[in-house]
Amino acid sequence: MTHQDSSLQSQNPVSSAQNSVDNVHRAVSHAMTHPTDQTIQEAQNAITQAERAIAQARAHHDQPAVQQADESLQEEKSRLNNIQ
């Protein structure tokens, strides 16, 4: 992949939303295995960031990928609520 390709991908709101949800998954998984105030706060911060990314993607694209990202985010929020 060339630098130009990766720059184009990073500017895509849908892929940004999907990447943000992936980050939430990692943060929530970490908080579940190491439930400290810090890891829970990091997961909550990742959720906030993903919510913004999804809202931005939805403003530009209302497609199945955005819906999928939102559904995945809701599942991660539920997982985090189970440890709080």
PDB file of N, CA and C in Angstrom:
ATOM      1  N   MET A   1       0.842  -1.168   0.000  1.00  0.00           N
ATOM      2  CA  MET A   1       0.000   0.000   0.000  1.00  0.00           C
ATOM      3  C   MET A   1       0.889   1.234   0.000  1.00  0.00           C
ATOM      4  N   THR A   2       0.572   2.163  -0.855  1.00  0.00           N
ATOM      5  CA  THR A   2       1.365   3.374  -0.923  1.00  0.00           C
ATOM      6  C   THR A   2       0.895   4.357   0.134  1.00  0.00           C
ATOM      7  N   HIS A   3       1.714   5.354   0.365  1.00  0.00           N
ATOM      8  CA  HIS A   3       1.364   6.375   1.342  1.00  0.00           C
ATOM      9  C   HIS A   3       0.063   7.061   0.940  1.00  0.00           C
ATOM     10  N   GLN A   4      -0.106   7.303  -0.359  1.00  0.00           N
ATOM     11  CA  GLN A   4      -1.310   7.956  -0.835  1.00  0.00           C
ATOM     12  C   GLN A   4      -2.544   7.106  -0.527  1.00  0.00           C
ATOM     13  N   ASP A   5      -2.462   5.795  -0.719  1.00  0.00           N
ATOM     14  CA  ASP A   5      -3.591   4.921  -0.424  1.00  0.00           C
ATOM     15  C   ASP A   5      -3.981   5.003   1.044  1.00  0.00           C
ATOM     16  N   SER A   6      -3.004   4.944   1.920  1.00  0.00           N
ATOM     17  CA  SER A   6      -3.322   4.982   3.343  1.00  0.00           C
ATOM     18  C   SER A   6      -3.877   6.345   3.740  1.00  0.00           C
ATOM     19  N   SER A   7      -3.431   7.408   3.100  1.00  0.00           N
ATOM     20  CA  SER A   7      -3.976   8.725   3.392  1.00  0.00           C
ATOM     21  C   SER A   7      -5.424   8.816   2.975  1.00  0.00           C
ATOM     22  N   LEU A   8      -5.753   8.251   1.828  1.00  0.00           N
ATOM     23  CA  LEU A   8      -7.139   8.266   1.378  1.00  0.00           C
ATOM     24  C   LEU A   8      -8.017   7.459   2.314  1.00  0.00           C
ATOM     25  N   GLN A   9      -7.536   6.305   2.750  1.00  0.00           N
ATOM     26  CA  GLN A   9      -8.332   5.476   3.647  1.00  0.00           C
ATOM     27  C   GLN A   9      -8.551   6.174   4.979  1.00  0.00           C
ATOM     28  N   SER A  10      -7.541   6.826   5.500  1.00  0.00           N
ATOM     29  CA  SER A  10      -7.683   7.472   6.800  1.00  0.00           C
ATOM     30  C   SER A  10      -8.649   8.652   6.732  1.00  0.00           C
ATOM     31  N   GLN A  11      -8.921   9.175   5.536  1.00  0.00           N
ATOM     32  CA  GLN A  11      -9.838  10.294   5.394  1.00  0.00           C
ATOM     33  C   GLN A  11     -11.278   9.836   5.181  1.00  0.00           C
ATOM     34  N   ASN A  12     -11.493   8.544   5.008  1.00  0.00           N
ATOM     35  CA  ASN A  12     -12.817   8.015   4.773  1.00  0.00           C
ATOM     36  C   ASN A  12     -13.576   7.949   6.103  1.00  0.00           C
ATOM     37  N   PRO A  13     -14.689   8.669   6.231  1.00  0.00           N
ATOM     38  CA  PRO A  13     -15.419   8.680   7.503  1.00  0.00           C
ATOM     39  C   PRO A  13     -15.929   7.302   7.927  1.00  0.00           C
ATOM     40  N   VAL A  14     -16.275   6.458   6.975  1.00  0.00           N
ATOM     41  CA  VAL A  14     -16.781   5.128   7.323  1.00  0.00           C
ATOM     42  C   VAL A  14     -15.664   4.274   7.898  1.00  0.00           C
ATOM     43  N   SER A  15     -14.503   4.277   7.266  1.00  0.00           N
ATOM     44  CA  SER A  15     -13.398   3.478   7.806  1.00  0.00           C
ATOM     45  C   SER A  15     -12.921   4.057   9.136  1.00  0.00           C
ATOM     46  N   SER A  16     -12.997   5.353   9.292  1.00  0.00           N
ATOM     47  CA  SER A  16     -12.644   5.972  10.570  1.00  0.00           C
ATOM     48  C   SER A  16     -13.591   5.503  11.673  1.00  0.00           C
ATOM     49  N   ALA A  17     -14.879   5.421  11.364  1.00  0.00           N
ATOM     50  CA  ALA A  17     -15.856   4.940  12.340  1.00  0.00           C
ATOM     51  C   ALA A  17     -15.583   3.485  12.691  1.00  0.00           C
ATOM     52  N   GLN A  18     -15.299   2.674  11.682  1.00  0.00           N
ATOM     53  CA  GLN A  18     -15.018   1.261  11.932  1.00  0.00           C
ATOM     54  C   GLN A  18     -13.751   1.100  12.772  1.00  0.00           C
ATOM     55  N   ASN A  19     -12.732   1.894  12.473  1.00  0.00           N
ATOM     56  CA  ASN A  19     -11.498   1.835  13.254  1.00  0.00           C
ATOM     57  C   ASN A  19     -11.744   2.270  14.698  1.00  0.00           C
ATOM     58  N   SER A  20     -12.578   3.269  14.878  1.00  0.00           N
ATOM     59  CA  SER A  20     -12.899   3.722  16.233  1.00  0.00           C
ATOM     60  C   SER A  20     -13.610   2.634  17.027  1.00  0.00           C
ATOM     61  N   VAL A  21     -14.513   1.909  16.378  1.00  0.00           N
ATOM     62  CA  VAL A  21     -15.212   0.816  17.061  1.00  0.00           C
ATOM     63  C   VAL A  21     -14.230  -0.309  17.388  1.00  0.00           C
ATOM     64  N   ASP A  22     -13.275  -0.568  16.498  1.00  0.00           N
ATOM     65  CA  ASP A  22     -12.237  -1.562  16.802  1.00  0.00           C
ATOM     66  C   ASP A  22     -11.451  -1.137  18.043  1.00  0.00           C
ATOM     67  N   ASN A  23     -11.157   0.151  18.144  1.00  0.00           N
ATOM     68  CA  ASN A  23     -10.449   0.662  19.324  1.00  0.00           C
ATOM     69  C   ASN A  23     -11.289   0.483  20.581  1.00  0.00           C
ATOM     70  N   VAL A  24     -12.592   0.678  20.464  1.00  0.00           N
ATOM     71  CA  VAL A  24     -13.485   0.475  21.608  1.00  0.00           C
ATOM     72  C   VAL A  24     -13.436  -0.984  22.043  1.00  0.00           C
ATOM     73  N   HIS A  25     -13.480  -1.880  21.078  1.00  0.00           N
ATOM     74  CA  HIS A  25     -13.446  -3.310  21.407  1.00  0.00           C
ATOM     75  C   HIS A  25     -12.177  -3.641  22.205  1.00  0.00           C
ATOM     76  N   ARG A  26     -11.042  -3.135  21.747  1.00  0.00           N
ATOM     77  CA  ARG A  26      -9.788  -3.393  22.470  1.00  0.00           C
ATOM     78  C   ARG A  26      -9.817  -2.775  23.861  1.00  0.00           C
ATOM     79  N   ALA A  27     -10.324  -1.560  23.960  1.00  0.00           N
ATOM     80  CA  ALA A  27     -10.355  -0.879  25.262  1.00  0.00           C
ATOM     81  C   ALA A  27     -11.309  -1.578  26.235  1.00  0.00           C
ATOM     82  N   VAL A  28     -12.462  -2.009  25.736  1.00  0.00           N
ATOM     83  CA  VAL A  28     -13.429  -2.692  26.606  1.00  0.00           C
ATOM     84  C   VAL A  28     -12.870  -4.051  27.021  1.00  0.00           C
ATOM     85  N   SER A  29     -12.261  -4.760  26.093  1.00  0.00           N
ATOM     86  CA  SER A  29     -11.666  -6.062  26.432  1.00  0.00           C
ATOM     87  C   SER A  29     -10.592  -5.890  27.500  1.00  0.00           C
ATOM     88  N   HIS A  30      -9.788  -4.848  27.361  1.00  0.00           N
ATOM     89  CA  HIS A  30      -8.738  -4.573  28.355  1.00  0.00           C
ATOM     90  C   HIS A  30      -9.378  -4.245  29.714  1.00  0.00           C
ATOM     91  N   ALA A  31     -10.434  -3.445  29.693  1.00  0.00           N
ATOM     92  CA  ALA A  31     -11.109  -3.089  30.951  1.00  0.00           C
ATOM     93  C   ALA A  31     -11.746  -4.311  31.600  1.00  0.00           C
ATOM     94  N   MET A  32     -12.191  -5.253  30.786  1.00  0.00           N
ATOM     95  CA  MET A  32     -12.805  -6.456  31.349  1.00  0.00           C
ATOM     96  C   MET A  32     -11.762  -7.351  32.016  1.00  0.00           C
ATOM     97  N   THR A  33     -10.579  -7.415  31.431  1.00  0.00           N
ATOM     98  CA  THR A  33      -9.540  -8.270  32.013  1.00  0.00           C
ATOM     99  C   THR A  33      -8.771  -7.563  33.135  1.00  0.00           C
ATOM    100  N   HIS A  34      -8.755  -6.237  33.093  1.00  0.00           N
ATOM    101  CA  HIS A  34      -8.074  -5.441  34.118  1.00  0.00           C
ATOM    102  C   HIS A  34      -8.994  -4.299  34.542  1.00  0.00           C
ATOM    103  N   PRO A  35     -10.040  -4.592  35.291  1.00  0.00           N
ATOM    104  CA  PRO A  35     -11.042  -3.570  35.620  1.00  0.00           C
ATOM    105  C   PRO A  35     -10.566  -2.572  36.676  1.00  0.00           C
ATOM    106  N   THR A  36      -9.893  -1.553  36.205  1.00  0.00           N
ATOM    107  CA  THR A  36      -9.483  -0.464  37.093  1.00  0.00           C
ATOM    108  C   THR A  36     -10.218   0.804  36.642  1.00  0.00           C
ATOM    109  N   ASP A  37     -10.195   1.812  37.493  1.00  0.00           N
ATOM    110  CA  ASP A  37     -10.825   3.087  37.114  1.00  0.00           C
ATOM    111  C   ASP A  37     -10.224   3.614  35.813  1.00  0.00           C
ATOM    112  N   GLN A  38      -8.917   3.456  35.673  1.00  0.00           N
ATOM    113  CA  GLN A  38      -8.235   3.981  34.490  1.00  0.00           C
ATOM    114  C   GLN A  38      -8.666   3.245  33.215  1.00  0.00           C
ATOM    115  N   THR A  39      -8.705   1.909  33.234  1.00  0.00           N
ATOM    116  CA  THR A  39      -9.064   1.177  32.015  1.00  0.00           C
ATOM    117  C   THR A  39     -10.535   1.399  31.656  1.00  0.00           C
ATOM    118  N   ILE A  40     -11.378   1.530  32.668  1.00  0.00           N
ATOM    119  CA  ILE A  40     -12.794   1.806  32.400  1.00  0.00           C
ATOM    120  C   ILE A  40     -12.946   3.197  31.791  1.00  0.00           C
ATOM    121  N   GLN A  41     -12.203   4.159  32.322  1.00  0.00           N
ATOM    122  CA  GLN A  41     -12.253   5.524  31.768  1.00  0.00           C
ATOM    123  C   GLN A  41     -11.728   5.541  30.333  1.00  0.00           C
ATOM    124  N   GLU A  42     -10.678   4.792  30.061  1.00  0.00           N
ATOM    125  CA  GLU A  42     -10.142   4.721  28.696  1.00  0.00           C
ATOM    126  C   GLU A  42     -11.182   4.123  27.750  1.00  0.00           C
ATOM    127  N   ALA A  43     -11.908   3.112  28.199  1.00  0.00           N
ATOM    128  CA  ALA A  43     -12.959   2.513  27.377  1.00  0.00           C
ATOM    129  C   ALA A  43     -14.077   3.523  27.135  1.00  0.00           C
ATOM    130  N   GLN A  44     -14.445   4.279  28.162  1.00  0.00           N
ATOM    131  CA  GLN A  44     -15.492   5.288  27.997  1.00  0.00           C
ATOM    132  C   GLN A  44     -15.045   6.381  27.025  1.00  0.00           C
ATOM    133  N   ASN A  45     -13.783   6.768  27.107  1.00  0.00           N
ATOM    134  CA  ASN A  45     -13.259   7.765  26.175  1.00  0.00           C
ATOM    135  C   ASN A  45     -13.283   7.232  24.741  1.00  0.00           C
ATOM    136  N   ALA A  46     -12.936   5.971  24.567  1.00  0.00           N
ATOM    137  CA  ALA A  46     -12.957   5.363  23.239  1.00  0.00           C
ATOM    138  C   ALA A  46     -14.383   5.321  22.696  1.00  0.00           C
ATOM    139  N   ILE A  47     -15.343   5.053  23.567  1.00  0.00           N
ATOM    140  CA  ILE A  47     -16.756   5.036  23.159  1.00  0.00           C
ATOM    141  C   ILE A  47     -17.183   6.424  22.688  1.00  0.00           C
ATOM    142  N   THR A  48     -16.828   7.444  23.432  1.00  0.00           N
ATOM    143  CA  THR A  48     -17.174   8.816  23.045  1.00  0.00           C
ATOM    144  C   THR A  48     -16.596   9.154  21.681  1.00  0.00           C
ATOM    145  N   GLN A  49     -15.352   8.780  21.472  1.00  0.00           N
ATOM    146  CA  GLN A  49     -14.694   9.047  20.192  1.00  0.00           C
ATOM    147  C   GLN A  49     -15.384   8.276  19.060  1.00  0.00           C
ATOM    148  N   ALA A  50     -15.751   7.040  19.309  1.00  0.00           N
ATOM    149  CA  ALA A  50     -16.427   6.233  18.291  1.00  0.00           C
ATOM    150  C   ALA A  50     -17.808   6.804  17.971  1.00  0.00           C
ATOM    151  N   GLU A  51     -18.507   7.273  18.994  1.00  0.00           N
ATOM    152  CA  GLU A  51     -19.825   7.878  18.756  1.00  0.00           C
ATOM    153  C   GLU A  51     -19.703   9.085  17.826  1.00  0.00           C
ATOM    154  N   ARG A  52     -18.671   9.879  18.035  1.00  0.00           N
ATOM    155  CA  ARG A  52     -18.450  11.043  17.162  1.00  0.00           C
ATOM    156  C   ARG A  52     -18.114  10.599  15.739  1.00  0.00           C
ATOM    157  N   ALA A  53     -17.265   9.587  15.627  1.00  0.00           N
ATOM    158  CA  ALA A  53     -16.869   9.102  14.299  1.00  0.00           C
ATOM    159  C   ALA A  53     -18.070   8.522  13.548  1.00  0.00           C
ATOM    160  N   ILE A  54     -18.926   7.793  14.262  1.00  0.00           N
ATOM    161  CA  ILE A  54     -20.120   7.224  13.632  1.00  0.00           C
ATOM    162  C   ILE A  54     -21.075   8.338  13.200  1.00  0.00           C
ATOM    163  N   ALA A  55     -21.253   9.333  14.030  1.00  0.00           N
ATOM    164  CA  ALA A  55     -22.135  10.452  13.678  1.00  0.00           C
ATOM    165  C   ALA A  55     -21.613  11.162  12.427  1.00  0.00           C
ATOM    166  N   GLN A  56     -20.315  11.343  12.360  1.00  0.00           N
ATOM    167  CA  GLN A  56     -19.717  11.989  11.188  1.00  0.00           C
ATOM    168  C   GLN A  56     -19.894  11.119   9.946  1.00  0.00           C
ATOM    169  N   ALA A  57     -19.685   9.820  10.085  1.00  0.00           N
ATOM    170  CA  ALA A  57     -19.848   8.912   8.948  1.00  0.00           C
ATOM    171  C   ALA A  57     -21.301   8.891   8.491  1.00  0.00           C
ATOM    172  N   ARG A  58     -22.214   8.890   9.446  1.00  0.00           N
ATOM    173  CA  ARG A  58     -23.640   8.852   9.101  1.00  0.00           C
ATOM    174  C   ARG A  58     -24.052  10.133   8.376  1.00  0.00           C
ATOM    175  N   ALA A  59     -23.429  11.254   8.710  1.00  0.00           N
ATOM    176  CA  ALA A  59     -23.743  12.516   8.045  1.00  0.00           C
ATOM    177  C   ALA A  59     -23.368  12.472   6.563  1.00  0.00           C
ATOM    178  N   HIS A  60     -22.369  11.665   6.239  1.00  0.00           N
ATOM    179  CA  HIS A  60     -21.896  11.587   4.853  1.00  0.00           C
ATOM    180  C   HIS A  60     -22.374  10.338   4.133  1.00  0.00           C
ATOM    181  N   HIS A  61     -22.614   9.279   4.871  1.00  0.00           N
ATOM    182  CA  HIS A  61     -22.967   7.996   4.271  1.00  0.00           C
ATOM    183  C   HIS A  61     -23.957   7.290   5.185  1.00  0.00           C
ATOM    184  N   ASP A  62     -25.108   6.976   4.649  1.00  0.00           N
ATOM    185  CA  ASP A  62     -26.038   6.172   5.436  1.00  0.00           C
ATOM    186  C   ASP A  62     -26.065   4.801   4.773  1.00  0.00           C
ATOM    187  N   GLN A  63     -25.066   4.021   5.096  1.00  0.00           N
ATOM    188  CA  GLN A  63     -24.929   2.733   4.439  1.00  0.00           C
ATOM    189  C   GLN A  63     -24.789   1.622   5.469  1.00  0.00           C
ATOM    190  N   PRO A  64     -24.891   0.387   5.020  1.00  0.00           N
ATOM    191  CA  PRO A  64     -24.814  -0.747   5.961  1.00  0.00           C
ATOM    192  C   PRO A  64     -23.547  -0.753   6.820  1.00  0.00           C
ATOM    193  N   ALA A  65     -22.435  -0.305   6.295  1.00  0.00           N
ATOM    194  CA  ALA A  65     -21.196  -0.313   7.081  1.00  0.00           C
ATOM    195  C   ALA A  65     -21.306   0.611   8.291  1.00  0.00           C
ATOM    196  N   VAL A  66     -21.981   1.728   8.127  1.00  0.00           N
ATOM    197  CA  VAL A  66     -22.157   2.657   9.251  1.00  0.00           C
ATOM    198  C   VAL A  66     -23.103   2.040  10.280  1.00  0.00           C
ATOM    199  N   GLN A  67     -24.169   1.413   9.800  1.00  0.00           N
ATOM    200  CA  GLN A  67     -25.109   0.744  10.703  1.00  0.00           C
ATOM    201  C   GLN A  67     -24.412  -0.371  11.475  1.00  0.00           C
ATOM    202  N   GLN A  68     -23.580  -1.131  10.786  1.00  0.00           N
ATOM    203  CA  GLN A  68     -22.836  -2.225  11.424  1.00  0.00           C
ATOM    204  C   GLN A  68     -21.912  -1.671  12.510  1.00  0.00           C
ATOM    205  N   ALA A  69     -21.228  -0.583  12.203  1.00  0.00           N
ATOM    206  CA  ALA A  69     -20.336   0.025  13.197  1.00  0.00           C
ATOM    207  C   ALA A  69     -21.128   0.472  14.420  1.00  0.00           C
ATOM    208  N   ASP A  70     -22.304   1.051  14.191  1.00  0.00           N
ATOM    209  CA  ASP A  70     -23.129   1.508  15.303  1.00  0.00           C
ATOM    210  C   ASP A  70     -23.624   0.325  16.137  1.00  0.00           C
ATOM    211  N   GLU A  71     -24.023  -0.751  15.487  1.00  0.00           N
ATOM    212  CA  GLU A  71     -24.476  -1.938  16.221  1.00  0.00           C
ATOM    213  C   GLU A  71     -23.335  -2.539  17.041  1.00  0.00           C
ATOM    214  N   SER A  72     -22.152  -2.582  16.459  1.00  0.00           N
ATOM    215  CA  SER A  72     -20.992  -3.103  17.195  1.00  0.00           C
ATOM    216  C   SER A  72     -20.680  -2.229  18.398  1.00  0.00           C
ATOM    217  N   LEU A  73     -20.797  -0.926  18.213  1.00  0.00           N
ATOM    218  CA  LEU A  73     -20.552  -0.008  19.325  1.00  0.00           C
ATOM    219  C   LEU A  73     -21.561  -0.252  20.453  1.00  0.00           C
ATOM    220  N   GLN A  74     -22.815  -0.457  20.106  1.00  0.00           N
ATOM    221  CA  GLN A  74     -23.828  -0.710  21.134  1.00  0.00           C
ATOM    222  C   GLN A  74     -23.503  -1.989  21.913  1.00  0.00           C
ATOM    223  N   GLU A  75     -23.023  -3.003  21.225  1.00  0.00           N
ATOM    224  CA  GLU A  75     -22.626  -4.244  21.903  1.00  0.00           C
ATOM    225  C   GLU A  75     -21.472  -3.996  22.863  1.00  0.00           C
ATOM    226  N   GLU A  76     -20.508  -3.191  22.435  1.00  0.00           N
ATOM    227  CA  GLU A  76     -19.359  -2.891  23.298  1.00  0.00           C
ATOM    228  C   GLU A  76     -19.796  -2.079  24.520  1.00  0.00           C
ATOM    229  N   LYS A  77     -20.717  -1.161  24.337  1.00  0.00           N
ATOM    230  CA  LYS A  77     -21.224  -0.382  25.478  1.00  0.00           C
ATOM    231  C   LYS A  77     -21.899  -1.310  26.481  1.00  0.00           C
ATOM    232  N   SER A  78     -22.626  -2.270  25.971  1.00  0.00           N
ATOM    233  CA  SER A  78     -23.283  -3.241  26.851  1.00  0.00           C
ATOM    234  C   SER A  78     -22.251  -4.059  27.613  1.00  0.00           C
ATOM    235  N   ARG A  79     -21.203  -4.493  26.929  1.00  0.00           N
ATOM    236  CA  ARG A  79     -20.131  -5.260  27.593  1.00  0.00           C
ATOM    237  C   ARG A  79     -19.503  -4.428  28.705  1.00  0.00           C
ATOM    238  N   LEU A  80     -19.248  -3.150  28.440  1.00  0.00           N
ATOM    239  CA  LEU A  80     -18.630  -2.293  29.447  1.00  0.00           C
ATOM    240  C   LEU A  80     -19.562  -2.105  30.635  1.00  0.00           C
ATOM    241  N   ASN A  81     -20.848  -1.969  30.371  1.00  0.00           N
ATOM    242  CA  ASN A  81     -21.810  -1.796  31.470  1.00  0.00           C
ATOM    243  C   ASN A  81     -21.835  -3.015  32.391  1.00  0.00           C
ATOM    244  N   ASN A  82     -21.506  -4.179  31.863  1.00  0.00           N
ATOM    245  CA  ASN A  82     -21.508  -5.387  32.686  1.00  0.00           C
ATOM    246  C   ASN A  82     -20.396  -5.399  33.726  1.00  0.00           C
ATOM    247  N   ILE A  83     -19.354  -4.602  33.547  1.00  0.00           N
ATOM    248  CA  ILE A  83     -18.263  -4.593  34.535  1.00  0.00           C
ATOM    249  C   ILE A  83     -18.316  -3.387  35.452  1.00  0.00           C
ATOM    250  N   GLN A  84     -19.212  -2.480  35.176  1.00  0.00           N
ATOM    251  CA  GLN A  84     -19.270  -1.259  36.002  1.00  0.00           C
ATOM    252  C   GLN A  84     -20.219  -1.434  37.168  1.00  0.00           C
TER     253      GLN A  84
END
